[in-house]
Amino acid sequence: MNKKEIINKINDEISFIRRCYVKKYELNNKVLSFSLAFSLALTNSCNMLLRQNKKECFSSADSVYEYVEKNPYLDDNEKESLYYVEGFINDYYYLLDAEVLKHRLQVFDIDYKDLDSNIYGSWKSNIDVVNLYCCDNSLDIKKNKSTISHELYHVLSVNNDKEYSECLSEGITSLLNYEYSDFNNSDLYIKERQIARLLTILVGKENMIDSYLNFDIYKLKSNLKKISTNKEKLKDLFDSIEEYHKLNIESFSYINKTLDSETYKEYKKNYKKKYELSIKIAADLNYYAKSKKLEFNDDFYIALNSFVNENDEVMEIDSNYYVYLDDSDIKMYTINNNSNKEKVLVK
């Protein structure tokens, strides 16, 4: 029953009660009876609406793994890889969308493809397939744990053509992978991860995770609106982070490569645009921090400075330039609620 049908049902029940009232339908106390009946009808109908909107959840972390074990398309090595994200599932199984994942976890597959680029993996939600470009077969998965775990976080997040932020989809995935893993992680989404961390500090880890897992950007925006009702600032922030993400994707083509002078000029042009936009994003995020009186919070201050400082490094080799990323980020546990709070410099 959709919302329109429920509203029509409410109206029908109210009309019926009114008819009963007019005809003195065996009611001794007409005013009281009408009031009680109206309240009951409205409560029942509203309960139906709430039941309809309530998401089906998993009862435990173990119940998530059960569905993967039923998957006939994955071999033992591939099934074992789900335990690379075990810590996250143990903490947040109750926020996972069971209605979608009960099916997805039983049918998704992992394919191995050759691709000469900076892309190591991808999740194709439209066909339920994880593509791995860094492995020849499932025996190579253990050598590439951070890549497969990154894609598994994407598998766990619902994407049914819902509107969400591509920047945050990659950023939160990277942040989760960065903070929940006990092996070395490296990806190119350094800035997206830093933006995700800053927003997590502002809205809280559970709100951020809930928005991410359900691909619901409005949940995140509604939490920011609680900090400030400035609509222009909110739109400006999300427009900027999406534009920044596009520029960052473009910059990937220059990373880990030797560039001639002309290509290096293109790289520098992209670099300048990114830097100018990062200052703008930082100002918008700091606006929310001030509104929440967090601008002097240590975690926020360190994360904001980390975001503004560029990670691109350049080596000059003869007349060419070699561009690489220095991912010496500060590890702050803003999402993983089982860890201690000490800050660790990851080299």
Protein backbone atom coordinates (compact mmCIF):
# COMPACT_ATOMS: atom_id res chain seq x y z
CA MET A 1 0.00 0.00 0.00
CA ASN A 2 1.54 3.32 -1.06
CA LYS A 3 1.20 6.65 0.74
CA LYS A 4 -1.66 7.85 -1.48
CA GLU A 5 -3.62 4.67 -0.81
CA ILE A 6 -3.04 5.04 2.93
CA ILE A 7 -4.25 8.64 2.87
CA ASN A 8 -7.34 7.57 0.94
CA LYS A 9 -7.95 4.83 3.49
CA ILE A 10 -7.71 7.38 6.31
CA ASN A 11 -10.27 9.59 4.54
CA ASP A 12 -12.60 6.60 3.97
CA GLU A 13 -12.46 5.63 7.64
CA ILE A 14 -13.09 9.20 8.74
CA SER A 15 -16.06 9.46 6.36
CA PHE A 16 -17.46 6.20 7.72
CA ILE A 17 -17.17 7.43 11.31
CA ARG A 18 -18.88 10.68 10.40
CA ARG A 19 -21.77 8.76 8.83
CA CYS A 20 -22.06 6.69 11.98
CA TYR A 21 -22.14 9.84 14.03
CA VAL A 22 -24.88 11.47 11.94
CA LYS A 23 -27.07 8.35 11.95
CA LYS A 24 -26.61 7.80 15.69
CA TYR A 25 -25.07 4.43 14.88
CA GLU A 26 -25.69 2.85 18.28
CA LEU A 27 -23.57 5.46 20.01
CA ASN A 28 -24.76 6.59 23.41
CA ASN A 29 -22.07 9.21 23.83
CA LYS A 30 -21.69 10.53 20.33
CA VAL A 31 -18.97 13.11 20.95
CA LEU A 32 -16.75 10.79 22.96
CA SER A 33 -17.28 7.84 20.62
CA PHE A 34 -16.51 9.88 17.54
CA SER A 35 -13.35 11.24 19.13
CA LEU A 36 -12.13 7.78 20.15
CA ALA A 37 -13.00 6.22 16.81
CA PHE A 38 -11.31 9.02 14.89
CA SER A 39 -8.18 8.68 17.02
CA LEU A 40 -8.12 4.90 16.55
CA ALA A 41 -8.52 5.15 12.77
CA LEU A 42 -5.82 7.76 12.49
CA THR A 43 -3.43 5.80 14.74
CA ASN A 44 -3.94 2.53 12.82
CA SER A 45 -3.40 4.21 9.47
CA CYS A 46 -0.32 6.07 10.65
CA ASN A 47 1.08 2.81 12.05
CA MET A 48 0.65 1.25 8.62
CA LEU A 49 2.57 4.14 7.10
CA LEU A 50 5.37 3.76 9.65
CA ARG A 51 5.56 0.01 9.04
CA GLN A 52 5.79 0.64 5.33
CA ASN A 53 8.71 3.06 5.73
CA LYS A 54 10.58 0.99 8.30
CA LYS A 55 13.70 -0.54 6.80
CA GLU A 56 14.31 -4.27 7.22
CA CYS A 57 17.50 -4.77 9.24
CA PHE A 58 19.76 -7.68 10.13
CA SER A 59 19.36 -9.10 13.63
CA SER A 60 23.08 -9.76 14.10
CA ALA A 61 26.45 -9.63 12.34
CA ASP A 62 26.36 -13.43 11.94
CA SER A 63 23.14 -13.17 9.93
CA VAL A 64 25.02 -11.03 7.36
CA TYR A 65 27.72 -13.66 6.84
CA GLU A 66 25.11 -16.41 6.43
CA TYR A 67 23.92 -14.95 3.14
CA VAL A 68 27.45 -14.78 1.72
CA GLU A 69 27.97 -18.46 2.59
CA LYS A 70 24.94 -19.25 0.39
CA ASN A 71 26.46 -17.48 -2.61
CA PRO A 72 27.22 -20.08 -5.33
CA TYR A 73 29.25 -17.65 -7.46
CA LEU A 74 32.03 -17.06 -4.92
CA ASP A 75 34.80 -19.53 -4.11
CA ASP A 76 36.19 -20.00 -0.59
CA ASN A 77 38.88 -17.32 -1.01
CA GLU A 78 36.31 -14.80 -2.17
CA LYS A 79 33.89 -15.61 0.65
CA GLU A 80 36.70 -15.30 3.17
CA SER A 81 37.38 -11.77 1.96
CA LEU A 82 34.15 -10.56 3.55
CA TYR A 83 35.88 -10.93 6.90
CA TYR A 84 38.24 -8.10 5.86
CA VAL A 85 35.30 -5.80 6.73
CA GLU A 86 34.25 -7.84 9.77
CA GLY A 87 34.90 -5.03 12.27
CA PHE A 88 32.57 -2.67 10.45
CA ILE A 89 29.82 -5.28 10.06
CA ASN A 90 30.05 -6.15 13.75
CA ASP A 91 29.61 -2.47 14.66
CA TYR A 92 26.95 -1.44 12.14
CA TYR A 93 25.02 -4.54 10.98
CA TYR A 94 21.82 -2.94 12.33
CA LEU A 95 22.13 -0.05 9.83
CA LEU A 96 22.56 -2.31 6.78
CA ASP A 97 19.58 -2.56 4.44
CA ALA A 98 18.68 -6.25 4.79
CA GLU A 99 15.92 -6.06 2.18
CA VAL A 100 18.52 -5.31 -0.52
CA LEU A 101 21.52 -7.17 0.90
CA LYS A 102 19.85 -10.51 1.58
CA HIS A 103 19.58 -10.89 -2.18
CA ARG A 104 22.76 -9.08 -3.19
CA LEU A 105 25.08 -11.05 -0.91
CA GLN A 106 23.79 -14.30 -2.39
CA VAL A 107 24.26 -13.31 -6.04
CA PHE A 108 27.15 -10.85 -6.38
CA ASP A 109 30.25 -12.07 -8.17
CA ILE A 110 33.91 -11.08 -8.44
CA ASP A 111 35.52 -10.80 -11.88
CA TYR A 112 39.22 -10.38 -12.70
CA LYS A 113 40.13 -8.01 -15.51
CA ASP A 114 43.25 -6.45 -17.01
CA LEU A 115 43.41 -2.68 -17.00
CA ASP A 116 46.51 -0.53 -17.24
CA SER A 117 45.48 2.43 -15.10
CA ASN A 118 45.31 3.70 -11.52
CA ILE A 119 42.01 1.86 -11.00
CA TYR A 120 42.44 -1.30 -8.94
CA GLY A 121 38.81 -2.26 -8.39
CA SER A 122 35.23 -1.19 -9.12
CA TRP A 123 31.74 -2.11 -7.96
CA LYS A 124 29.04 -2.41 -10.63
CA SER A 125 25.78 -2.24 -8.69
CA ASN A 126 23.63 -2.59 -11.82
CA ILE A 127 24.98 -6.12 -12.46
CA ASP A 128 26.13 -7.04 -8.90
CA VAL A 129 29.75 -7.54 -9.90
CA VAL A 130 33.03 -6.48 -8.29
CA ASN A 131 35.76 -6.02 -10.91
CA LEU A 132 39.32 -6.47 -9.68
CA TYR A 133 42.07 -5.16 -11.95
CA CYS A 134 44.91 -5.97 -9.55
CA CYS A 135 44.32 -9.74 -9.32
CA ASP A 136 44.57 -12.55 -11.81
CA ASN A 137 42.38 -14.86 -9.73
CA SER A 138 41.05 -15.35 -6.20
CA LEU A 139 44.46 -16.55 -4.97
CA ASP A 140 45.72 -12.97 -5.39
CA ILE A 141 43.03 -11.48 -3.12
CA LYS A 142 45.10 -11.84 0.06
CA LYS A 143 47.84 -9.75 -1.56
CA ASN A 144 45.35 -6.96 -2.29
CA LYS A 145 43.24 -6.81 0.87
CA SER A 146 42.75 -3.05 0.87
CA THR A 147 41.38 -3.10 -2.68
CA ILE A 148 38.83 -5.84 -2.14
CA SER A 149 37.74 -4.44 1.22
CA HIS A 150 37.18 -1.01 -0.40
CA GLU A 151 34.86 -2.60 -2.94
CA LEU A 152 33.09 -4.65 -0.26
CA TYR A 153 32.11 -1.45 1.56
CA HIS A 154 30.52 -0.35 -1.71
CA VAL A 155 28.70 -3.69 -1.88
CA LEU A 156 27.27 -3.07 1.59
CA SER A 157 26.02 0.41 0.71
CA VAL A 158 22.70 0.54 -1.11
CA ASN A 159 22.71 2.17 -4.54
CA ASN A 160 19.41 1.76 -6.32
CA ASP A 161 19.68 4.85 -8.52
CA LYS A 162 19.37 6.98 -5.40
CA GLU A 163 20.75 10.48 -5.32
CA TYR A 164 23.95 10.66 -3.32
CA SER A 165 27.33 12.37 -3.37
CA GLU A 166 29.93 10.57 -5.49
CA CYS A 167 32.59 12.41 -3.54
CA LEU A 168 31.27 11.10 -0.22
CA SER A 169 30.57 7.63 -1.57
CA GLU A 170 34.29 7.25 -2.29
CA GLY A 171 35.39 9.34 0.67
CA ILE A 172 33.46 7.43 3.33
CA THR A 173 34.44 4.12 1.74
CA SER A 174 38.08 5.16 1.91
CA LEU A 175 37.67 6.40 5.48
CA LEU A 176 36.09 3.13 6.61
CA ASN A 177 38.77 1.14 4.85
CA TYR A 178 41.43 3.35 6.37
CA GLU A 179 40.17 3.09 9.95
CA TYR A 180 38.80 -0.45 10.19
CA SER A 181 41.64 -2.33 8.52
CA ASP A 182 44.61 -3.91 10.22
CA PHE A 183 46.67 -3.84 7.02
CA ASN A 184 48.19 -0.97 5.06
CA ASN A 185 45.68 0.90 2.93
CA SER A 186 46.38 3.16 0.03
CA ASP A 187 44.04 4.70 -2.51
CA LEU A 188 43.82 7.93 -4.45
CA TYR A 189 40.78 9.29 -2.57
CA ILE A 190 42.83 11.14 0.05
CA LYS A 191 40.89 14.42 -0.19
CA GLU A 192 37.51 12.71 -0.42
CA ARG A 193 38.40 10.79 2.74
CA GLN A 194 39.37 14.01 4.52
CA ILE A 195 36.07 15.68 3.54
CA ALA A 196 34.20 12.62 4.83
CA ARG A 197 36.11 12.79 8.11
CA LEU A 198 35.30 16.50 8.59
CA LEU A 199 31.60 15.94 7.93
CA THR A 200 31.64 12.97 10.32
CA ILE A 201 32.99 15.20 13.08
CA LEU A 202 30.20 17.70 12.35
CA VAL A 203 27.18 15.35 12.17
CA GLY A 204 28.33 12.31 14.18
CA LYS A 205 29.54 8.90 13.03
CA GLU A 206 26.22 7.04 13.17
CA ASN A 207 24.39 9.71 11.16
CA MET A 208 27.18 9.66 8.57
CA ILE A 209 27.17 5.86 8.32
CA ASP A 210 23.38 5.69 8.11
CA SER A 211 23.33 8.19 5.25
CA TYR A 212 26.12 6.35 3.43
CA LEU A 213 24.73 2.82 3.78
CA ASN A 214 21.30 3.90 2.56
CA PHE A 215 22.63 6.25 -0.13
CA ASP A 216 20.42 8.94 1.37
CA ILE A 217 21.97 12.40 0.95
CA TYR A 218 18.92 14.01 2.58
CA LYS A 219 19.71 12.34 5.90
CA LEU A 220 23.11 13.98 5.87
CA LYS A 221 21.78 17.36 4.75
CA SER A 222 19.05 17.32 7.40
CA ASN A 223 21.73 16.85 10.08
CA LEU A 224 23.67 19.81 8.69
CA LYS A 225 20.46 21.87 8.70
CA LYS A 226 20.24 21.25 12.44
CA ILE A 227 23.57 23.06 12.72
CA SER A 228 22.62 25.89 10.34
CA THR A 229 19.51 26.59 8.26
CA ASN A 230 21.50 28.54 5.66
CA LYS A 231 20.29 26.90 2.41
CA GLU A 232 22.76 28.73 0.17
CA LYS A 233 25.69 27.59 2.29
CA LEU A 234 24.48 23.98 2.18
CA LYS A 235 24.04 24.00 -1.61
CA ASP A 236 27.38 25.74 -2.07
CA LEU A 237 29.18 23.13 0.03
CA PHE A 238 27.79 20.13 -1.86
CA ASP A 239 28.27 21.74 -5.27
CA SER A 240 31.88 22.46 -4.34
CA ILE A 241 32.75 18.98 -3.08
CA GLU A 242 31.30 17.39 -6.22
CA GLU A 243 33.29 19.75 -8.42
CA TYR A 244 36.40 19.04 -6.36
CA HIS A 245 35.87 15.29 -6.77
CA LYS A 246 35.65 15.68 -10.56
CA LEU A 247 38.92 17.63 -10.59
CA ASN A 248 40.50 15.00 -8.38
CA ILE A 249 39.44 12.21 -10.74
CA GLU A 250 41.00 14.18 -13.60
CA SER A 251 44.23 14.52 -11.63
CA PHE A 252 44.53 10.74 -11.31
CA SER A 253 45.79 10.59 -14.90
CA TYR A 254 48.90 12.51 -13.80
CA ILE A 255 49.69 10.46 -10.71
CA ASN A 256 52.61 7.98 -10.70
CA LYS A 257 53.67 9.10 -14.15
CA THR A 258 56.51 10.98 -15.76
CA LEU A 259 55.17 14.10 -17.48
CA ASP A 260 56.68 16.16 -20.25
CA SER A 261 56.64 19.96 -19.91
CA GLU A 262 53.31 20.45 -21.74
CA THR A 263 51.49 17.75 -19.75
CA TYR A 264 53.01 19.14 -16.58
CA LYS A 265 51.42 22.52 -17.38
CA GLU A 266 48.03 20.79 -17.60
CA TYR A 267 48.69 19.14 -14.26
CA LYS A 268 49.60 22.49 -12.67
CA LYS A 269 46.40 24.04 -14.03
CA ASN A 270 44.34 21.24 -12.46
CA TYR A 271 46.36 21.59 -9.24
CA LYS A 272 45.61 25.33 -9.02
CA LYS A 273 41.86 24.79 -9.51
CA LYS A 274 41.82 22.09 -6.84
CA TYR A 275 43.70 24.22 -4.36
CA GLU A 276 41.42 27.24 -4.83
CA LEU A 277 38.37 25.04 -4.42
CA SER A 278 39.81 23.35 -1.32
CA ILE A 279 40.07 26.77 0.37
CA LYS A 280 36.42 27.43 -0.46
CA ILE A 281 35.31 24.03 0.88
CA ALA A 282 37.38 24.51 4.02
CA ALA A 283 35.68 27.87 4.63
CA ASP A 284 32.22 26.31 4.22
CA LEU A 285 33.07 23.45 6.58
CA ASN A 286 34.52 25.87 9.08
CA TYR A 287 31.27 27.86 8.93
CA TYR A 288 29.41 24.77 10.20
CA ALA A 289 32.10 24.15 12.80
CA LYS A 290 31.69 27.70 14.11
CA SER A 291 27.91 27.31 14.13
CA LYS A 292 28.40 24.19 16.27
CA LYS A 293 31.25 25.82 18.25
CA LEU A 294 33.71 23.21 17.01
CA GLU A 295 36.18 25.43 15.19
CA PHE A 296 38.74 24.97 18.00
CA ASN A 297 38.09 21.23 18.36
CA ASP A 298 41.45 19.42 17.99
CA ASP A 299 40.15 16.68 15.69
CA PHE A 300 38.39 19.16 13.42
CA TYR A 301 41.31 21.58 13.34
CA ILE A 302 43.86 18.88 12.42
CA ALA A 303 41.54 17.36 9.81
CA LEU A 304 40.84 20.77 8.24
CA ASN A 305 44.53 21.59 7.96
CA SER A 306 45.23 18.15 6.55
CA PHE A 307 42.60 18.76 3.86
CA VAL A 308 43.93 22.18 2.82
CA ASN A 309 47.54 20.97 2.64
CA GLU A 310 48.15 19.33 -0.74
CA ASN A 311 49.39 15.74 -0.97
CA ASP A 312 50.77 16.03 -4.50
CA GLU A 313 54.56 15.79 -4.68
CA VAL A 314 56.72 16.32 -7.75
CA MET A 315 60.19 15.04 -8.60
CA GLU A 316 62.13 16.53 -11.50
CA ILE A 317 63.87 13.88 -13.56
CA ASP A 318 66.04 15.32 -16.34
CA SER A 319 63.62 17.58 -18.20
CA ASN A 320 60.54 15.64 -17.10
CA TYR A 321 58.46 15.60 -13.94
CA TYR A 322 57.30 12.66 -11.85
CA VAL A 323 54.06 13.23 -9.88
CA TYR A 324 53.14 11.09 -6.87
CA LEU A 325 50.95 11.26 -3.77
CA ASP A 326 52.30 11.52 -0.26
CA ASP A 327 49.56 9.93 1.84
CA SER A 328 50.98 10.69 5.28
CA ASP A 329 47.54 11.36 6.71
CA ILE A 330 46.66 11.66 10.39
CA LYS A 331 44.62 8.66 11.52
CA MET A 332 41.76 9.97 13.66
CA TYR A 333 39.17 7.50 14.86
CA THR A 334 36.01 9.44 14.14
CA ILE A 335 34.05 6.46 12.86
CA ASN A 336 35.49 3.34 14.46
CA ASN A 337 33.86 3.41 17.89
CA ASN A 338 35.77 0.40 19.22
CA SER A 339 39.22 1.95 19.02
CA ASN A 340 41.06 4.18 21.41
CA LYS A 341 41.13 7.87 20.67
CA GLU A 342 44.84 8.40 20.24
CA LYS A 343 46.04 9.93 17.00
CA VAL A 344 48.54 7.87 15.05
CA LEU A 345 50.75 9.18 12.27
CA VAL A 346 50.55 6.70 9.42
CA LYS A 347 53.72 6.63 7.34
